[in-house]
């Protein structure tokens, strides 16, 4: 039996090349090696205020992007978190065994709460819901970015605590990260990770951006004070552009050095733009074809939820029995 892999994204902002290189490309590559589940985590999205109509539209947009990136719905389940009520049910049960001190140490909570005047309790409990997402499906492999590593470690802590309190219940998840392209930095600020929540026009290349916008964004990218590429003392902006090119092209370090050593920055940016545009062109064509089929994406999401619901419900019933709650088995007795 294949191990189960699970990962997901929030239906907020515009997915960009960092999301593709750091997650979607990896998911498509590894999906057949595992029993694969890929979520759209809308319950996480509402930990901050969302426009309801926009959120609903974004859910289907993200699902179509998953499909266009190569996630195969015949093999992998693509589903929306809120379509499987067991996510929220397990999250509550795990909340009851998770010490508040563990949650108060989470760096993402500190960063996000500092940026808002008022916050809901959901933002504080966000990591427990993420743990529930993973443990609900007994996922062995969870491909996440470096920024989610602390959340995954908390998931392992929660699973270990529950197992020690109530007996063997949850699989301990591991993590798997791609060798390159896992961390694409902002084109306007190469010291910060590219973010889909950033509103800056020159910050990111969105996956659905037209070619002229992609080229304009890359040509405005931050470099350094040198006139051309030098692999000795390279600035972070130049390194970021080369990393993007390498991640899309698959070139080796040696090939990158040979191709770009001494190249002027304007020519570097043109080559990076050409590479990104050429690789996104077939992706965008598939996206247009997918969204042109009325009801197709909604059907994929419905089938995905139906496929994973028995797994999720089985875990919830197991946890209820372990904790002494009134489960389906209790009602049969």
Protein backbone atom coordinates (compact mmCIF):
# COMPACT_ATOMS: atom_id res chain seq x y z
CA UNK A 1 0.00 0.00 0.00
CA UNK A 2 1.31 3.46 -0.94
CA UNK A 3 1.90 6.06 1.75
CA UNK A 4 -0.50 9.00 1.76
CA UNK A 5 0.70 12.50 0.81
CA UNK A 6 -1.27 15.64 1.63
CA UNK A 7 -0.75 19.34 1.03
CA UNK A 8 -2.82 22.41 0.25
CA UNK A 9 -3.07 26.13 -0.37
CA UNK A 10 -5.36 28.94 0.75
CA UNK A 11 -7.74 30.39 -1.88
CA UNK A 12 -6.49 33.93 -1.33
CA UNK A 13 -4.32 36.27 -3.36
CA UNK A 14 -2.84 35.32 -6.72
CA UNK A 15 -0.76 32.16 -6.99
CA UNK A 16 2.67 33.01 -8.41
CA UNK A 17 5.78 31.34 -9.78
CA UNK A 18 7.07 30.75 -6.24
CA UNK A 19 3.95 28.69 -5.49
CA UNK A 20 4.48 26.76 -8.71
CA UNK A 21 8.20 26.08 -8.27
CA UNK A 22 7.99 25.48 -4.52
CA UNK A 23 4.81 23.40 -4.42
CA UNK A 24 2.69 22.70 -7.51
CA UNK A 25 5.57 21.42 -9.65
CA UNK A 26 6.63 19.09 -6.84
CA UNK A 27 3.07 17.86 -6.22
CA UNK A 28 2.60 16.97 -9.88
CA UNK A 29 5.93 15.15 -9.94
CA UNK A 30 5.42 13.03 -6.81
CA UNK A 31 1.66 12.42 -6.97
CA UNK A 32 1.88 8.95 -8.54
CA UNK A 33 4.35 7.74 -5.92
CA UNK A 34 1.71 8.15 -3.21
CA UNK A 35 -1.98 8.11 -2.46
CA UNK A 36 -2.34 11.84 -3.02
CA UNK A 37 -4.72 14.41 -1.53
CA UNK A 38 -4.45 18.10 -2.39
CA UNK A 39 -6.64 20.53 -0.45
CA UNK A 40 -7.92 24.03 -0.94
CA UNK A 41 -7.93 25.21 2.65
CA UNK A 42 -10.78 27.70 2.78
CA UNK A 43 -11.32 27.30 6.54
CA UNK A 44 -7.79 28.64 7.02
CA UNK A 45 -8.56 31.56 4.73
CA UNK A 46 -11.38 32.86 6.95
CA UNK A 47 -9.05 33.32 9.94
CA UNK A 48 -8.84 36.82 8.44
CA UNK A 49 -11.78 38.64 6.88
CA UNK A 50 -12.65 37.65 3.31
CA UNK A 51 -15.16 38.87 0.74
CA UNK A 52 -17.55 35.88 0.41
CA UNK A 53 -18.13 36.14 -3.35
CA UNK A 54 -14.42 36.57 -4.07
CA UNK A 55 -13.54 33.66 -1.79
CA UNK A 56 -15.94 31.33 -3.61
CA UNK A 57 -14.53 32.38 -6.99
CA UNK A 58 -10.96 31.92 -5.76
CA UNK A 59 -11.70 28.36 -4.61
CA UNK A 60 -12.54 27.28 -8.16
CA UNK A 61 -9.64 29.33 -9.57
CA UNK A 62 -7.15 27.52 -7.32
CA UNK A 63 -8.66 24.15 -8.22
CA UNK A 64 -8.28 24.95 -11.93
CA UNK A 65 -4.67 25.98 -11.33
CA UNK A 66 -4.01 22.64 -9.58
CA UNK A 67 -5.38 20.85 -12.65
CA UNK A 68 -3.47 23.03 -15.12
CA UNK A 69 -0.25 22.41 -13.18
CA UNK A 70 -0.61 18.67 -13.76
CA UNK A 71 -2.50 17.33 -10.75
CA UNK A 72 -4.39 14.33 -12.15
CA UNK A 73 -7.93 14.09 -10.70
CA UNK A 74 -8.16 10.44 -11.77
CA UNK A 75 -5.31 9.64 -9.40
CA UNK A 76 -5.18 12.48 -6.87
CA UNK A 77 -8.11 13.79 -4.84
CA UNK A 78 -8.53 17.55 -5.20
CA UNK A 79 -10.92 18.81 -2.54
CA UNK A 80 -12.11 21.80 -0.54
CA UNK A 81 -11.46 21.67 3.19
CA UNK A 82 -14.90 22.93 4.25
CA UNK A 83 -16.63 20.31 2.07
CA UNK A 84 -15.47 17.65 4.56
CA UNK A 85 -16.88 18.60 8.01
CA UNK A 86 -14.49 16.16 9.72
CA UNK A 87 -11.71 18.78 9.39
CA UNK A 88 -13.44 21.12 11.81
CA UNK A 89 -14.60 18.27 14.06
CA UNK A 90 -11.13 16.83 14.52
CA UNK A 91 -9.66 20.32 14.96
CA UNK A 92 -11.88 20.86 18.02
CA UNK A 93 -10.88 17.56 19.59
CA UNK A 94 -7.19 18.33 19.01
CA UNK A 95 -7.64 21.85 20.39
CA UNK A 96 -8.70 20.27 23.66
CA UNK A 97 -5.38 18.45 24.06
CA UNK A 98 -3.06 21.19 22.71
CA UNK A 99 -1.41 23.43 25.36
CA UNK A 100 -1.90 27.15 24.79
CA UNK A 101 1.81 27.68 25.36
CA UNK A 102 2.59 25.69 22.22
CA UNK A 103 0.35 27.94 20.13
CA UNK A 104 1.58 31.21 21.64
CA UNK A 105 5.10 30.41 20.42
CA UNK A 106 4.08 30.12 16.75
CA UNK A 107 5.95 32.77 14.78
CA UNK A 108 3.28 33.16 12.07
CA UNK A 109 0.65 34.01 14.70
CA UNK A 110 2.91 36.67 16.17
CA UNK A 111 3.61 38.19 12.75
CA UNK A 112 0.01 38.16 11.49
CA UNK A 113 -1.55 39.34 14.75
CA UNK A 114 0.89 42.24 14.96
CA UNK A 115 -0.30 43.44 11.55
CA UNK A 116 -3.99 43.61 12.57
CA UNK A 117 -5.90 45.82 14.97
CA UNK A 118 -8.21 43.01 16.08
CA UNK A 119 -7.81 39.27 15.60
CA UNK A 120 -10.16 36.33 15.90
CA UNK A 121 -9.45 33.22 17.92
CA UNK A 122 -9.24 31.31 14.64
CA UNK A 123 -5.86 32.87 13.90
CA UNK A 124 -4.54 31.58 17.22
CA UNK A 125 -6.00 28.10 16.58
CA UNK A 126 -4.85 28.03 12.93
CA UNK A 127 -1.98 25.57 13.61
CA UNK A 128 -4.36 23.09 15.29
CA UNK A 129 -6.62 23.15 12.23
CA UNK A 130 -3.57 22.53 10.05
CA UNK A 131 -2.64 19.59 12.29
CA UNK A 132 -6.19 18.26 11.92
CA UNK A 133 -5.94 18.53 8.11
CA UNK A 134 -2.84 16.33 8.14
CA UNK A 135 -3.74 13.87 10.88
CA UNK A 136 -7.29 13.41 9.58
CA UNK A 137 -5.92 11.53 6.58
CA UNK A 138 -3.05 9.83 8.43
CA UNK A 139 -0.70 11.52 5.95
CA UNK A 140 2.87 10.21 6.03
CA UNK A 141 4.32 12.85 3.68
CA UNK A 142 3.50 16.57 3.80
CA UNK A 143 5.34 18.66 1.18
CA UNK A 144 5.48 22.15 2.70
CA UNK A 145 7.66 25.22 2.35
CA UNK A 146 10.22 26.29 4.92
CA UNK A 147 7.75 28.84 6.32
CA UNK A 148 5.41 25.99 7.31
CA UNK A 149 8.08 23.84 8.94
CA UNK A 150 7.18 25.07 12.45
CA UNK A 151 3.51 24.18 11.87
CA UNK A 152 4.46 20.70 10.72
CA UNK A 153 6.63 20.22 13.79
CA UNK A 154 3.68 21.27 15.96
CA UNK A 155 1.52 18.70 14.13
CA UNK A 156 4.04 16.04 15.07
CA UNK A 157 4.01 17.26 18.70
CA UNK A 158 0.20 17.14 18.83
CA UNK A 159 0.12 13.66 17.30
CA UNK A 160 2.74 12.41 19.76
CA UNK A 161 0.87 13.95 22.72
CA UNK A 162 -2.43 12.43 21.64
CA UNK A 163 -0.85 9.02 21.04
CA UNK A 164 0.77 9.09 24.49
CA UNK A 165 -2.51 10.10 26.16
CA UNK A 166 -4.92 7.79 24.32
CA UNK A 167 -2.82 5.11 22.64
CA UNK A 168 -1.60 4.69 19.07
CA UNK A 169 -3.91 6.75 16.87
CA UNK A 170 -2.07 9.00 14.42
CA UNK A 171 0.67 8.47 11.84
CA UNK A 172 3.65 10.76 12.50
CA UNK A 173 4.00 12.90 9.35
CA UNK A 174 7.33 13.59 7.67
CA UNK A 175 8.17 16.43 5.28
CA UNK A 176 9.65 16.54 1.82
CA UNK A 177 11.09 19.61 0.10
CA UNK A 178 12.30 20.05 -3.50
CA UNK A 179 16.04 20.61 -3.97
CA UNK A 180 15.71 23.90 -5.88
CA UNK A 181 12.95 26.43 -6.42
CA UNK A 182 11.55 25.88 -2.94
CA UNK A 183 12.07 29.51 -1.94
CA UNK A 184 11.57 32.18 -4.60
CA UNK A 185 12.13 35.70 -3.32
CA UNK A 186 10.28 38.91 -4.15
CA UNK A 187 11.42 40.60 -7.34
CA UNK A 188 11.13 44.00 -5.68
CA UNK A 189 12.74 42.87 -2.41
CA UNK A 190 14.94 39.76 -2.78
CA UNK A 191 15.37 39.54 1.00
CA UNK A 192 11.71 38.55 1.50
CA UNK A 193 9.91 35.50 0.18
CA UNK A 194 7.61 36.04 -2.80
CA UNK A 195 4.10 36.34 -1.36
CA UNK A 196 0.67 36.06 -2.96
CA UNK A 197 -0.72 38.51 -0.42
CA UNK A 198 1.64 41.34 -1.43
CA UNK A 199 -0.04 44.20 -3.32
CA UNK A 200 3.18 45.55 -4.84
CA UNK A 201 3.03 45.67 -8.66
CA UNK A 202 6.64 44.55 -9.08
CA UNK A 203 6.72 41.94 -6.33
CA UNK A 204 5.61 38.70 -7.99
CA UNK A 205 4.86 37.03 -11.31
CA UNK A 206 1.37 35.57 -11.01
CA UNK A 207 0.71 32.29 -12.81
CA UNK A 208 -2.15 33.84 -14.76
CA UNK A 209 -0.35 37.07 -15.70
CA UNK A 210 -0.26 37.79 -19.46
CA UNK A 211 3.19 37.66 -21.15
CA UNK A 212 3.55 41.44 -21.39
CA UNK A 213 2.97 41.83 -17.65
CA UNK A 214 5.40 39.01 -16.84
CA UNK A 215 8.10 40.65 -18.93
CA UNK A 216 7.47 44.08 -17.41
CA UNK A 217 7.63 42.70 -13.85
CA UNK A 218 10.88 40.79 -14.44
CA UNK A 219 12.54 43.67 -16.26
CA UNK A 220 11.89 45.85 -13.18
CA UNK A 221 13.42 43.30 -10.80
CA UNK A 222 15.97 44.47 -8.24
CA UNK A 223 19.59 43.52 -8.99
CA UNK A 224 22.68 45.24 -7.53
CA UNK A 225 25.21 47.95 -8.36
CA UNK A 226 27.32 45.74 -10.67
CA UNK A 227 26.76 46.06 -14.44
CA UNK A 228 26.82 42.34 -15.16
CA UNK A 229 26.55 38.88 -13.61
CA UNK A 230 29.47 37.85 -11.43
CA UNK A 231 29.38 34.63 -9.42
CA UNK A 232 31.78 36.18 -6.92
CA UNK A 233 29.95 38.43 -4.44
CA UNK A 234 26.61 38.22 -6.23
CA UNK A 235 23.73 40.31 -4.84
CA UNK A 236 20.52 38.57 -3.65
CA UNK A 237 18.43 40.05 -6.49
CA UNK A 238 20.70 38.59 -9.17
CA UNK A 239 20.86 35.27 -7.33
CA UNK A 240 17.06 35.19 -7.20
CA UNK A 241 16.76 35.72 -10.96
CA UNK A 242 19.27 32.95 -11.63
CA UNK A 243 17.46 30.62 -9.24
CA UNK A 244 14.19 31.26 -11.07
CA UNK A 245 15.82 30.53 -14.42
CA UNK A 246 17.45 27.36 -13.09
CA UNK A 247 14.26 26.09 -11.48
CA UNK A 248 12.27 26.50 -14.71
CA UNK A 249 15.03 25.25 -17.04
CA UNK A 250 16.44 22.39 -14.97
CA UNK A 251 19.99 23.51 -15.83
CA UNK A 252 22.86 22.43 -13.60
CA UNK A 253 24.94 24.88 -11.57
CA UNK A 254 27.74 24.56 -14.10
CA UNK A 255 25.46 25.25 -17.04
CA UNK A 256 24.07 28.33 -15.30
CA UNK A 257 27.58 29.67 -14.63
CA UNK A 258 28.66 29.10 -18.25
CA UNK A 259 25.51 30.70 -19.67
CA UNK A 260 25.36 33.79 -17.47
CA UNK A 261 28.87 34.73 -16.27
CA UNK A 262 29.52 38.32 -17.40
CA UNK A 263 26.06 38.80 -18.93
CA UNK A 264 24.66 42.30 -18.54
CA UNK A 265 21.64 42.57 -16.25
CA UNK A 266 19.28 43.75 -18.98
CA UNK A 267 20.09 40.63 -21.02
CA UNK A 268 19.81 38.45 -17.91
CA UNK A 269 16.31 39.74 -17.23
CA UNK A 270 15.27 39.22 -20.87
CA UNK A 271 16.41 35.60 -20.74
CA UNK A 272 14.66 34.98 -17.43
CA UNK A 273 11.47 36.58 -18.80
CA UNK A 274 11.64 34.45 -21.96
CA UNK A 275 12.11 31.31 -19.89
CA UNK A 276 9.21 32.07 -17.55
CA UNK A 277 6.84 33.07 -20.37
CA UNK A 278 7.64 29.97 -22.44
CA UNK A 279 6.98 27.67 -19.48
CA UNK A 280 3.79 29.40 -18.37
CA UNK A 281 2.31 29.49 -21.88
CA UNK A 282 1.21 25.81 -21.95
CA UNK A 283 0.10 26.03 -18.32
CA UNK A 284 -2.10 29.05 -19.09
CA UNK A 285 -3.50 27.32 -22.20
CA UNK A 286 -4.53 24.31 -20.08
CA UNK A 287 -6.07 26.66 -17.50
CA UNK A 288 -8.22 28.35 -20.17
CA UNK A 289 -9.33 24.97 -21.52
CA UNK A 290 -10.26 23.72 -18.03
CA UNK A 291 -12.25 26.81 -17.08
CA UNK A 292 -14.07 26.79 -20.43
CA UNK A 293 -15.84 23.53 -19.46
CA UNK A 294 -18.99 24.46 -17.50
CA UNK A 295 -19.23 22.58 -14.21
CA UNK A 296 -15.99 20.63 -14.72
CA UNK A 297 -14.02 22.11 -11.83
CA UNK A 298 -17.01 21.87 -9.47
CA UNK A 299 -17.36 18.21 -10.42
CA UNK A 300 -13.69 17.51 -9.69
CA UNK A 301 -14.05 19.12 -6.26
CA UNK A 302 -17.24 17.21 -5.49
CA UNK A 303 -15.67 13.88 -6.49
CA UNK A 304 -12.53 14.69 -4.49
CA UNK A 305 -14.53 15.36 -1.32
CA UNK A 306 -16.56 12.17 -1.81
CA UNK A 307 -13.36 10.16 -2.25
CA UNK A 308 -11.66 11.37 0.94
CA UNK A 309 -14.71 11.64 3.22
CA UNK A 310 -14.65 7.95 4.26
CA UNK A 311 -10.99 8.27 5.32
CA UNK A 312 -11.72 11.44 7.27
CA UNK A 313 -14.84 10.08 8.93
CA UNK A 314 -13.04 6.88 9.93
CA UNK A 315 -10.34 8.90 11.69
CA UNK A 316 -12.90 11.03 13.50
CA UNK A 317 -14.71 7.91 14.72
CA UNK A 318 -11.43 6.43 15.93
CA UNK A 319 -10.56 9.62 17.84
CA UNK A 320 -14.03 9.76 19.38
CA UNK A 321 -13.70 6.18 20.63
CA UNK A 322 -10.25 6.91 22.04
CA UNK A 323 -11.49 10.01 23.88
CA UNK A 324 -14.71 8.39 25.11
CA UNK A 325 -17.03 10.53 22.99
CA UNK A 326 -20.36 9.33 21.64
CA UNK A 327 -19.40 7.92 18.25
CA UNK A 328 -21.26 6.03 15.54
CA UNK A 329 -20.03 2.79 17.14
CA UNK A 330 -21.51 3.94 20.48
CA UNK A 331 -24.90 4.44 18.86
CA UNK A 332 -24.82 0.94 17.38
CA UNK A 333 -24.04 -0.63 20.76
